[in-house]
Amino acid sequence: MRQDDYRDMDLVAQLDCIFNPRAVAVIGASANPEKPGFMCMTSLVRDGFKGKIYPVNPGLSELFGLKAYPSILAIPEDIDLAVVVIPAEQTISVIEECIVKGIKGAILVSAGFREVGSETGLSLQATLQEIANRGGIKIVGPNTLGLINPRANLNATFQPGLGLSKIGNVSVVSQSGGMCIYLINALTSNNVGISKVMGIGNRCNLDFDEVVAYLAQDNETRVIVLYIEGIEQPKRLMRIARKVAKQKPILVYKGGRTQESNRATLSHTGALAGKYELYKAAFTQSGMMIVDTMTELVDMTKALVFQPSLASDRVAVLSLQAGPGIIIADKCREFGLRLAELSPTTRQRLRHFISPLLSIDSPVDMAWTGSNFDSSREILRAVLEDDGVDAVVVAFISFELSGELPKAIIDVARHSIKPILVCQGAPDAAASVTKALEDANIPVYPFPDRAVTGLAGLLRYGSILKTID
């Protein structure tokens, strides 16, 4: 990464200390299980953080078997990250001590700043920002869930268990802590692992553009997901996004799309959401992929993690049962994808394995061939080797007579650079089939329309790569 690409290297190094700290202090650590200070300590200790943990509370001598310190300045070792869980009015002096200590970043869980809308809250955040900028410390928040890095078992939040999330290559940046948790759960339940997650809350002196710039050079991040309610300087994010989108897809869900929800975002993170149409146009212009639903976000993210982008729009549909294939064909048209016209050579190859009574026009009706590995493999090969096919969607219901088809898909996918997606209608007993496919980087969807949504995401990102300058 060139220094002039994504702001300065000092910021990258600073955020790397925040996401990969060697030592974390919890200021406001508590022995009371009902207090956030106890929950933050629980998250670090029980999720198995690999670095050092220092509880800070003048009223404690130890916590979770760890020595407690009366202040951050009393800790003899260096600290990279502080989790601050104290009342808002006490944070200024604590952040000043963190600056003296040389701490790179502080997570301010506390609320009571800009989001309350009062003169006191606005003044407090403005003072906090001025002190933090002058002292060279980055504030995550205030009014935030915190952050996680599952590879380091780092759970710097008040929600124990998040640090044990499935490890993967998707990073999430969200204004809402609640949406952080929703997105982690939605992605991991769809077998999409997490690289890093940050709730940035009120964005005191750390905003979306800076975190996206950091994630651009993070080798553990393949796809970036943003939940945005409102930002004051969208051009900063647009400028960074145009550069980052050439390397990694950026998917955005915009909260606060109506006048009513716009007011709600102001009291949530102190951000005025603004007109959705303007955000949508700006995000699209800068190469970000804006999505309309959480399901769309998850399905496109999954496809982009597992498969390469799609340069063109010709899709071949293969199905063991006619109905799912027809639905996929319909949905392809709705999403602007074309059904591939198979060449005479391909059609001739298919007829060796498919009955004359069945269709070999896309969607290809594979019927009972799923019980024969060789037949399934040759059908897939014929379609994937057709120059008029850019991607393939395969649909089947997982039962005994279709057991050879997923094996054939895995075998053929090893030798193909074209995207392959699967729609599997299956009971829970077929979880092993899904796992085998996705271990081979073949995304599996439970319904035909969701498989096409994933495919549409590959096409959208392919279009971005061709058009963004």
Protein backbone atom coordinates (compact mmCIF):
# COMPACT_ATOMS: atom_id res chain seq x y z
CA MET A 1 0.00 0.00 0.00
CA ARG A 2 1.40 3.40 -0.95
CA GLN A 3 1.30 6.01 1.78
CA ASP A 4 -0.66 8.46 -0.35
CA ASP A 5 -3.36 5.88 -1.12
CA TYR A 6 -5.14 5.60 2.22
CA ARG A 7 -4.03 8.54 4.32
CA ASP A 8 -0.89 8.00 6.42
CA MET A 9 0.87 4.92 7.64
CA ASP A 10 0.82 6.18 11.23
CA LEU A 11 -2.95 5.78 11.29
CA VAL A 12 -2.68 2.23 9.95
CA ALA A 13 -0.15 1.34 12.64
CA GLN A 14 -2.30 2.95 15.32
CA LEU A 15 -5.44 1.06 14.31
CA ASP A 16 -3.44 -2.14 14.11
CA CYS A 17 -2.53 -1.65 17.78
CA ILE A 18 -6.23 -1.19 18.54
CA PHE A 19 -7.35 -4.32 16.67
CA ASN A 20 -4.31 -6.37 17.72
CA PRO A 21 -3.35 -5.07 21.16
CA ARG A 22 -0.70 -6.73 23.28
CA ALA A 23 -2.28 -5.40 26.47
CA VAL A 24 -5.77 -4.10 27.34
CA ALA A 25 -6.84 -2.13 30.41
CA VAL A 26 -10.46 -1.98 31.55
CA ILE A 27 -10.97 1.36 33.28
CA GLY A 28 -14.04 1.02 35.45
CA ALA A 29 -13.69 -2.74 35.89
CA SER A 30 -16.26 -4.00 38.37
CA ALA A 31 -16.93 -7.05 40.52
CA ASN A 32 -20.67 -6.45 40.20
CA PRO A 33 -22.10 -8.83 37.54
CA GLU A 34 -24.75 -6.25 36.64
CA LYS A 35 -22.23 -3.56 35.73
CA PRO A 36 -20.79 -3.06 32.23
CA GLY A 37 -17.32 -3.03 33.79
CA PHE A 38 -17.82 -6.62 34.91
CA MET A 39 -19.19 -7.65 31.51
CA CYS A 40 -16.21 -6.13 29.68
CA MET A 41 -13.80 -8.01 31.93
CA THR A 42 -15.80 -11.21 31.39
CA SER A 43 -15.61 -10.74 27.62
CA LEU A 44 -11.83 -10.44 27.66
CA VAL A 45 -11.12 -13.19 30.19
CA ARG A 46 -13.63 -15.85 29.21
CA ASP A 47 -13.21 -15.37 25.47
CA GLY A 48 -9.52 -16.09 26.01
CA PHE A 49 -7.82 -12.87 24.91
CA LYS A 50 -4.22 -13.79 24.10
CA GLY A 51 -2.64 -10.61 25.49
CA LYS A 52 -2.44 -9.08 28.97
CA ILE A 53 -5.50 -7.77 30.81
CA TYR A 54 -5.38 -5.06 33.47
CA PRO A 55 -8.48 -4.20 35.53
CA VAL A 56 -8.47 -0.59 36.73
CA ASN A 57 -10.56 0.40 39.77
CA PRO A 58 -9.31 2.09 42.96
CA GLY A 59 -11.79 0.06 44.98
CA LEU A 60 -10.45 -3.36 43.90
CA SER A 61 -7.26 -5.26 44.63
CA GLU A 62 -7.95 -8.07 42.17
CA LEU A 63 -10.59 -9.28 39.71
CA PHE A 64 -10.85 -12.61 37.90
CA GLY A 65 -7.57 -13.53 39.53
CA LEU A 66 -5.85 -10.51 37.97
CA LYS A 67 -4.20 -7.71 39.94
CA ALA A 68 -6.25 -4.52 39.84
CA TYR A 69 -4.74 -1.04 39.69
CA PRO A 70 -6.07 2.24 41.11
CA SER A 71 -5.44 4.14 37.86
CA ILE A 72 -4.11 3.61 34.37
CA LEU A 73 -0.92 5.46 35.34
CA ALA A 74 -0.25 2.94 38.12
CA ILE A 75 0.21 0.09 35.63
CA PRO A 76 3.97 -0.41 35.12
CA GLU A 77 3.69 -2.04 31.65
CA ASP A 78 2.76 -0.47 28.30
CA ILE A 79 -0.93 -0.54 27.29
CA ASP A 80 -2.17 -0.48 23.69
CA LEU A 81 -5.94 -0.29 24.25
CA ALA A 82 -8.15 0.99 27.05
CA VAL A 83 -11.79 0.01 27.49
CA VAL A 84 -13.39 2.88 29.41
CA VAL A 85 -16.55 2.00 31.31
CA ILE A 86 -17.20 4.99 33.57
CA PRO A 87 -19.79 7.81 33.68
CA ALA A 88 -19.49 10.30 30.82
CA GLU A 89 -18.55 13.23 33.07
CA GLN A 90 -15.43 11.38 34.28
CA THR A 91 -14.07 10.46 30.88
CA ILE A 92 -12.12 13.64 30.13
CA SER A 93 -9.63 13.21 32.98
CA VAL A 94 -9.29 9.48 32.22
CA ILE A 95 -8.54 10.11 28.54
CA GLU A 96 -5.92 12.66 29.58
CA GLU A 97 -4.28 9.97 31.71
CA CYS A 98 -4.43 7.54 28.78
CA ILE A 99 -2.58 10.11 26.65
CA VAL A 100 0.11 10.49 29.30
CA LYS A 101 0.40 6.68 29.39
CA GLY A 102 0.93 6.61 25.62
CA ILE A 103 -2.12 4.45 24.87
CA LYS A 104 -2.97 4.22 21.16
CA GLY A 105 -6.75 3.86 21.42
CA ALA A 106 -9.63 3.97 23.88
CA ILE A 107 -13.07 2.40 23.59
CA LEU A 108 -15.65 4.62 25.27
CA VAL A 109 -18.59 2.40 26.08
CA SER A 110 -20.23 5.21 28.06
CA ALA A 111 -23.21 7.13 26.69
CA GLY A 112 -24.23 10.70 27.55
CA PHE A 113 -22.46 12.59 24.79
CA ARG A 114 -23.65 13.99 21.45
CA GLU A 115 -26.44 11.43 21.12
CA VAL A 116 -28.44 12.95 24.02
CA GLY A 117 -28.74 16.21 22.08
CA SER A 118 -28.19 18.42 25.15
CA GLU A 119 -25.74 21.29 25.33
CA THR A 120 -23.83 19.41 28.02
CA GLY A 121 -23.53 16.27 25.90
CA LEU A 122 -22.45 18.19 22.80
CA SER A 123 -19.90 20.21 24.76
CA LEU A 124 -18.51 17.10 26.45
CA GLN A 125 -17.95 15.31 23.14
CA ALA A 126 -16.39 18.41 21.56
CA THR A 127 -13.96 18.69 24.47
CA LEU A 128 -13.19 14.98 24.27
CA GLN A 129 -12.47 15.27 20.56
CA GLU A 130 -10.15 18.25 21.01
CA ILE A 131 -8.17 16.53 23.78
CA ALA A 132 -7.95 13.23 21.89
CA ASN A 133 -6.76 14.88 18.66
CA ARG A 134 -4.17 16.91 20.50
CA GLY A 135 -2.97 13.86 22.40
CA GLY A 136 -2.84 11.54 19.40
CA ILE A 137 -5.23 8.93 20.79
CA LYS A 138 -8.09 7.44 18.75
CA ILE A 139 -11.49 7.17 20.44
CA VAL A 140 -13.77 4.28 19.46
CA GLY A 141 -17.16 5.73 20.32
CA PRO A 142 -18.32 7.11 22.66
CA ASN A 143 -21.64 5.31 23.10
CA THR A 144 -20.37 2.12 21.52
CA LEU A 145 -20.40 -1.66 21.81
CA GLY A 146 -16.65 -1.81 21.21
CA LEU A 147 -14.75 -4.12 18.86
CA ILE A 148 -13.76 -7.75 18.32
CA ASN A 149 -10.97 -9.63 16.56
CA PRO A 150 -11.74 -13.36 16.75
CA ARG A 151 -8.27 -14.36 15.52
CA ALA A 152 -6.83 -12.83 18.70
CA ASN A 153 -9.78 -13.92 20.85
CA LEU A 154 -10.19 -10.21 21.44
CA ASN A 155 -13.65 -9.26 22.68
CA ALA A 156 -13.45 -5.64 23.79
CA THR A 157 -17.22 -5.34 24.27
CA PHE A 158 -19.74 -5.89 27.04
CA GLN A 159 -21.19 -8.93 25.22
CA PRO A 160 -19.29 -12.08 26.27
CA GLY A 161 -18.91 -14.70 23.55
CA LEU A 162 -18.42 -12.40 20.56
CA GLY A 163 -14.67 -12.97 20.58
CA LEU A 164 -15.32 -16.64 19.88
CA SER A 165 -17.21 -15.91 16.66
CA LYS A 166 -16.38 -17.96 13.57
CA ILE A 167 -13.12 -16.71 12.11
CA GLY A 168 -13.26 -15.57 8.50
CA ASN A 169 -12.66 -12.71 6.10
CA VAL A 170 -15.53 -10.24 6.56
CA SER A 171 -15.04 -7.05 8.56
CA VAL A 172 -18.00 -5.06 9.85
CA VAL A 173 -18.02 -1.37 10.81
CA SER A 174 -21.26 -0.10 12.31
CA GLN A 175 -22.61 3.01 14.00
CA SER A 176 -24.94 0.79 15.97
CA GLY A 177 -23.67 -1.72 18.53
CA GLY A 178 -26.89 -3.67 18.18
CA MET A 179 -26.36 -3.98 14.45
CA CYS A 180 -22.84 -5.26 15.09
CA ILE A 181 -24.35 -8.17 16.99
CA TYR A 182 -27.13 -8.74 14.45
CA LEU A 183 -24.62 -8.83 11.59
CA ILE A 184 -22.19 -11.11 13.41
CA ASN A 185 -25.01 -13.56 14.13
CA ALA A 186 -26.48 -13.33 10.62
CA LEU A 187 -23.15 -13.86 8.90
CA THR A 188 -21.87 -16.66 11.12
CA SER A 189 -25.18 -18.52 11.02
CA ASN A 190 -24.74 -18.53 7.23
CA ASN A 191 -21.20 -19.92 7.60
CA VAL A 192 -19.53 -16.60 6.84
CA GLY A 193 -16.67 -15.94 9.25
CA ILE A 194 -15.60 -12.68 10.83
CA SER A 195 -12.27 -10.91 10.51
CA LYS A 196 -12.90 -7.77 12.58
CA VAL A 197 -15.91 -5.85 13.92
CA MET A 198 -16.04 -2.31 15.25
CA GLY A 199 -18.96 -0.30 16.59
CA ILE A 200 -17.91 3.31 16.12
CA GLY A 201 -20.88 4.89 17.88
CA ASN A 202 -20.77 8.68 17.96
CA ARG A 203 -17.50 8.84 15.92
CA CYS A 204 -15.63 11.23 18.19
CA ASN A 205 -12.36 11.26 16.23
CA LEU A 206 -12.50 7.93 14.38
CA ASP A 207 -14.83 7.71 11.40
CA PHE A 208 -15.80 5.27 8.65
CA ASP A 209 -13.22 6.51 6.13
CA GLU A 210 -10.30 5.86 8.50
CA VAL A 211 -11.43 2.34 9.44
CA VAL A 212 -12.12 1.45 5.80
CA ALA A 213 -8.63 2.72 4.90
CA TYR A 214 -7.17 0.43 7.55
CA LEU A 215 -9.21 -2.58 6.39
CA ALA A 216 -8.06 -1.96 2.82
CA GLN A 217 -4.55 -3.10 3.73
CA ASP A 218 -5.65 -5.78 6.21
CA ASN A 219 -4.80 -9.15 4.66
CA GLU A 220 -7.37 -10.87 6.88
CA THR A 221 -10.24 -8.83 5.39
CA ARG A 222 -11.69 -9.78 2.01
CA VAL A 223 -15.10 -8.06 2.20
CA ILE A 224 -16.04 -4.89 4.11
CA VAL A 225 -19.59 -4.41 5.45
CA LEU A 226 -20.80 -1.03 6.70
CA TYR A 227 -23.93 -0.08 8.63
CA ILE A 228 -24.31 3.69 8.34
CA GLU A 229 -26.96 5.94 9.84
CA GLY A 230 -25.49 9.33 9.01
CA ILE A 231 -22.14 10.99 8.38
CA GLU A 232 -21.22 14.66 8.34
CA GLN A 233 -18.46 14.45 5.71
CA PRO A 234 -19.51 11.79 3.18
CA LYS A 235 -16.91 12.96 0.64
CA ARG A 236 -14.11 11.63 2.85
CA LEU A 237 -15.63 8.15 2.80
CA MET A 238 -16.39 8.40 -0.93
CA ARG A 239 -12.78 9.31 -1.72
CA ILE A 240 -11.38 6.37 0.23
CA ALA A 241 -14.07 3.97 -1.01
CA ARG A 242 -13.25 4.66 -4.67
CA LYS A 243 -9.70 3.45 -4.03
CA VAL A 244 -10.55 0.54 -1.75
CA ALA A 245 -13.37 -0.80 -3.98
CA LYS A 246 -10.79 -1.65 -6.65
CA GLN A 247 -9.34 -4.21 -4.24
CA LYS A 248 -12.20 -5.28 -1.98
CA PRO A 249 -15.99 -5.05 -2.19
CA ILE A 250 -17.66 -2.64 0.23
CA LEU A 251 -21.32 -3.40 1.03
CA VAL A 252 -23.44 -0.78 2.78
CA TYR A 253 -26.76 -0.92 4.57
CA LYS A 254 -28.09 2.58 5.21
CA GLY A 255 -30.25 3.03 8.31
CA GLY A 256 -32.52 6.05 8.66
CA ARG A 257 -34.20 6.11 5.27
CA THR A 258 -37.38 7.93 6.23
CA GLN A 259 -38.10 11.17 8.06
CA GLU A 260 -39.33 9.26 11.09
CA SER A 261 -36.30 6.96 11.35
CA ASN A 262 -34.05 9.93 10.61
CA ARG A 263 -35.14 11.47 13.91
CA ALA A 264 -34.43 8.19 15.67
CA THR A 265 -30.83 8.10 14.41
CA LEU A 266 -30.20 11.54 15.87
CA SER A 267 -31.01 10.27 19.37
CA HIS A 268 -29.16 7.01 18.74
CA THR A 269 -25.65 8.04 17.74
CA GLY A 270 -26.05 11.79 17.32
CA ALA A 271 -26.02 11.54 13.54
CA LEU A 272 -28.51 13.19 11.22
CA ALA A 273 -29.28 10.57 8.60
CA GLY A 274 -30.11 12.84 5.66
CA LYS A 275 -31.93 11.94 2.46
CA TYR A 276 -31.54 8.29 1.55
CA GLU A 277 -31.58 8.99 -2.19
CA LEU A 278 -28.53 11.25 -1.88
CA TYR A 279 -26.63 8.69 0.17
CA LYS A 280 -27.54 5.94 -2.27
CA ALA A 281 -26.31 7.94 -5.25
CA ALA A 282 -23.10 8.96 -3.49
CA PHE A 283 -22.30 5.45 -2.30
CA THR A 284 -22.97 3.93 -5.72
CA GLN A 285 -20.88 6.57 -7.47
CA SER A 286 -17.91 5.77 -5.24
CA GLY A 287 -18.03 2.02 -5.87
CA MET A 288 -19.86 0.88 -2.75
CA MET A 289 -22.62 -1.70 -3.08
CA ILE A 290 -25.72 -0.45 -1.27
CA VAL A 291 -28.23 -3.14 -0.31
CA ASP A 292 -31.92 -2.93 0.52
CA THR A 293 -32.32 -5.78 3.03
CA MET A 294 -30.28 -7.65 5.60
CA THR A 295 -30.86 -10.88 3.68
CA GLU A 296 -29.47 -9.29 0.54
CA LEU A 297 -26.46 -8.08 2.51
CA VAL A 298 -25.72 -11.55 3.90
CA ASP A 299 -26.28 -13.38 0.60
CA MET A 300 -24.10 -11.03 -1.45
CA THR A 301 -21.39 -11.00 1.20
CA LYS A 302 -21.35 -14.78 1.26
CA ALA A 303 -20.95 -15.02 -2.52
CA LEU A 304 -18.18 -12.43 -2.55
CA VAL A 305 -16.25 -14.24 0.19
CA PHE A 306 -16.43 -17.63 -1.50
CA GLN A 307 -16.33 -16.85 -5.23
CA PRO A 308 -14.66 -14.50 -7.76
CA SER A 309 -16.52 -11.53 -9.19
CA LEU A 310 -18.58 -11.98 -12.34
CA ALA A 311 -17.36 -10.14 -15.43
CA SER A 312 -20.44 -10.87 -17.54
CA ASP A 313 -24.04 -11.86 -16.94
CA ARG A 314 -24.64 -15.21 -18.71
CA VAL A 315 -25.82 -17.80 -16.21
CA ALA A 316 -26.40 -21.51 -16.71
CA VAL A 317 -28.95 -23.08 -14.38
CA LEU A 318 -28.85 -26.81 -13.58
CA SER A 319 -31.43 -28.46 -11.38
CA LEU A 320 -32.34 -31.98 -10.33
CA GLN A 321 -35.94 -30.84 -9.83
CA ALA A 322 -37.64 -28.62 -12.38
CA GLY A 323 -39.35 -26.20 -9.98
CA PRO A 324 -36.26 -24.68 -8.32
CA GLY A 325 -34.61 -24.31 -11.72
CA ILE A 326 -37.59 -22.37 -13.03
CA ILE A 327 -37.57 -20.05 -10.00
CA ILE A 328 -33.84 -19.42 -10.43
CA ALA A 329 -34.42 -18.62 -14.12
CA ASP A 330 -37.17 -16.15 -13.21
CA LYS A 331 -35.04 -14.48 -10.55
CA CYS A 332 -32.08 -14.20 -12.89
CA ARG A 333 -34.18 -12.09 -15.23
CA GLU A 334 -35.36 -9.91 -12.33
CA PHE A 335 -31.76 -9.25 -11.24
CA GLY A 336 -30.56 -8.41 -14.76
CA LEU A 337 -28.81 -11.73 -15.33
CA ARG A 338 -29.20 -13.51 -18.68
CA LEU A 339 -29.81 -17.21 -19.09
CA ALA A 340 -26.91 -18.63 -21.07
CA GLU A 341 -27.58 -20.07 -24.52
CA LEU A 342 -25.66 -23.33 -24.62
CA SER A 343 -23.69 -24.07 -27.77
CA PRO A 344 -24.59 -27.00 -30.07
CA THR A 345 -21.43 -28.79 -28.89
CA THR A 346 -22.45 -28.44 -25.25
CA ARG A 347 -25.98 -29.59 -25.99
CA GLN A 348 -24.62 -32.66 -27.77
CA ARG A 349 -22.41 -33.48 -24.79
CA LEU A 350 -25.38 -33.13 -22.41
CA ARG A 351 -27.52 -35.49 -24.46
CA HIS A 352 -25.11 -38.32 -23.69
CA PHE A 353 -26.25 -38.16 -20.06
CA ILE A 354 -29.68 -36.53 -20.08
CA SER A 355 -32.82 -38.18 -21.44
CA PRO A 356 -34.36 -36.76 -24.64
CA LEU A 357 -37.52 -36.31 -22.59
CA LEU A 358 -35.80 -33.69 -20.41
CA SER A 359 -34.80 -30.10 -21.21
CA ILE A 360 -31.19 -29.20 -21.86
CA ASP A 361 -31.99 -25.53 -22.35
CA SER A 362 -31.08 -23.44 -19.32
CA PRO A 363 -32.42 -24.45 -16.86
CA VAL A 364 -30.94 -27.87 -17.57
CA ASP A 365 -33.09 -30.63 -16.09
CA MET A 366 -30.63 -33.13 -14.58
CA ALA A 367 -33.39 -35.28 -13.07
CA TRP A 368 -31.94 -38.56 -11.70
CA THR A 369 -28.34 -38.02 -12.80
CA GLY A 370 -27.50 -36.85 -9.26
CA SER A 371 -27.08 -40.46 -8.18
CA ASN A 372 -24.21 -40.98 -10.65
CA PHE A 373 -20.91 -39.23 -9.99
CA ASP A 374 -19.51 -39.58 -13.51
CA SER A 375 -22.70 -38.37 -15.21
CA SER A 376 -23.01 -35.38 -12.85
CA ARG A 377 -19.37 -34.47 -13.34
CA GLU A 378 -19.54 -34.62 -17.14
CA ILE A 379 -22.73 -32.52 -17.24
CA LEU A 380 -21.10 -29.86 -15.08
CA ARG A 381 -17.92 -29.93 -17.13
CA ALA A 382 -19.81 -29.53 -20.38
CA VAL A 383 -21.66 -26.47 -19.11
CA LEU A 384 -18.67 -24.82 -17.42
CA GLU A 385 -16.49 -25.31 -20.52
CA ASP A 386 -19.04 -23.54 -22.72
CA ASP A 387 -17.65 -20.15 -23.77
CA GLY A 388 -21.15 -18.70 -23.55
CA VAL A 389 -21.44 -19.44 -19.82
CA ASP A 390 -20.07 -17.04 -17.19
CA ALA A 391 -21.46 -18.64 -14.04
CA VAL A 392 -23.42 -21.69 -12.91
CA VAL A 393 -26.14 -22.19 -10.31
CA VAL A 394 -26.94 -25.77 -9.32
CA ALA A 395 -30.13 -26.62 -7.43
CA PHE A 396 -30.95 -29.93 -5.77
CA ILE A 397 -32.75 -31.44 -2.83
CA SER A 398 -30.35 -33.41 -0.69
CA PHE A 399 -31.45 -37.02 -0.33
CA GLU A 400 -30.02 -40.45 -1.11
CA LEU A 401 -30.54 -40.35 -4.87
CA SER A 402 -28.75 -37.00 -5.22
CA GLY A 403 -25.75 -37.88 -3.06
CA GLU A 404 -23.19 -37.96 -5.89
CA LEU A 405 -23.98 -34.53 -7.29
CA PRO A 406 -22.33 -32.42 -4.54
CA LYS A 407 -19.22 -34.61 -4.81
CA ALA A 408 -19.13 -33.92 -8.54
CA ILE A 409 -19.60 -30.17 -7.97
CA ILE A 410 -16.61 -30.12 -5.61
CA ASP A 411 -14.50 -32.10 -8.06
CA VAL A 412 -15.29 -29.89 -11.04
CA ALA A 413 -14.99 -26.62 -9.11
CA ARG A 414 -11.32 -27.35 -8.43
CA HIS A 415 -10.58 -26.91 -12.13
CA SER A 416 -12.90 -24.00 -12.96
CA ILE A 417 -12.41 -20.27 -12.53
CA LYS A 418 -16.09 -19.54 -13.16
CA PRO A 419 -18.36 -18.85 -10.17
CA ILE A 420 -20.43 -21.80 -8.98
CA LEU A 421 -23.26 -21.36 -6.49
CA VAL A 422 -25.56 -23.98 -5.02
CA CYS A 423 -29.17 -23.97 -3.86
CA GLN A 424 -29.73 -26.96 -1.59
CA GLY A 425 -33.17 -27.77 -0.26
CA ALA A 426 -32.26 -29.99 2.64
CA PRO A 427 -33.17 -31.09 6.15
CA ASP A 428 -30.71 -30.52 8.98
CA ALA A 429 -29.31 -33.99 8.34
CA ALA A 430 -27.71 -32.67 5.15
CA ALA A 431 -25.55 -30.17 7.05
CA SER A 432 -22.51 -32.30 6.22
CA VAL A 433 -23.18 -31.79 2.50
CA THR A 434 -23.33 -28.02 2.97
CA LYS A 435 -20.13 -28.09 4.99
CA ALA A 436 -18.30 -30.10 2.35
CA LEU A 437 -19.38 -27.70 -0.40
CA GLU A 438 -18.51 -24.57 1.54
CA ASP A 439 -15.19 -26.01 2.67
CA ALA A 440 -14.50 -26.10 -1.07
CA ASN A 441 -15.49 -22.39 -1.33
CA ILE A 442 -18.84 -23.14 -2.98
CA PRO A 443 -21.55 -21.03 -1.30
CA VAL A 444 -24.78 -22.85 -0.48
CA TYR A 445 -28.18 -21.14 -0.16
CA PRO A 446 -31.44 -22.57 1.22
CA PHE A 447 -33.73 -21.01 -1.41
CA PRO A 448 -33.47 -20.38 -5.17
CA ASP A 449 -33.98 -16.61 -4.94
CA ARG A 450 -31.21 -16.25 -2.36
CA ALA A 451 -28.73 -18.06 -4.60
CA VAL A 452 -29.52 -15.59 -7.37
CA THR A 453 -29.12 -12.69 -4.94
CA GLY A 454 -25.61 -13.92 -4.22
CA LEU A 455 -24.89 -14.22 -7.93
CA ALA A 456 -26.19 -10.69 -8.50
CA GLY A 457 -23.67 -9.49 -5.92
CA LEU A 458 -20.84 -11.05 -7.92
CA LEU A 459 -22.09 -9.28 -11.05
CA ARG A 460 -22.44 -5.92 -9.30
CA TYR A 461 -18.91 -6.07 -8.00
CA GLY A 462 -17.63 -7.17 -11.40
CA SER A 463 -19.31 -4.13 -12.93
CA ILE A 464 -17.70 -1.89 -10.29
CA LEU A 465 -14.25 -3.25 -11.13
CA LYS A 466 -14.82 -2.47 -14.82
CA THR A 467 -16.23 1.03 -14.39
CA ILE A 468 -14.62 2.67 -11.36
CA ASP A 469 -11.62 4.83 -12.25
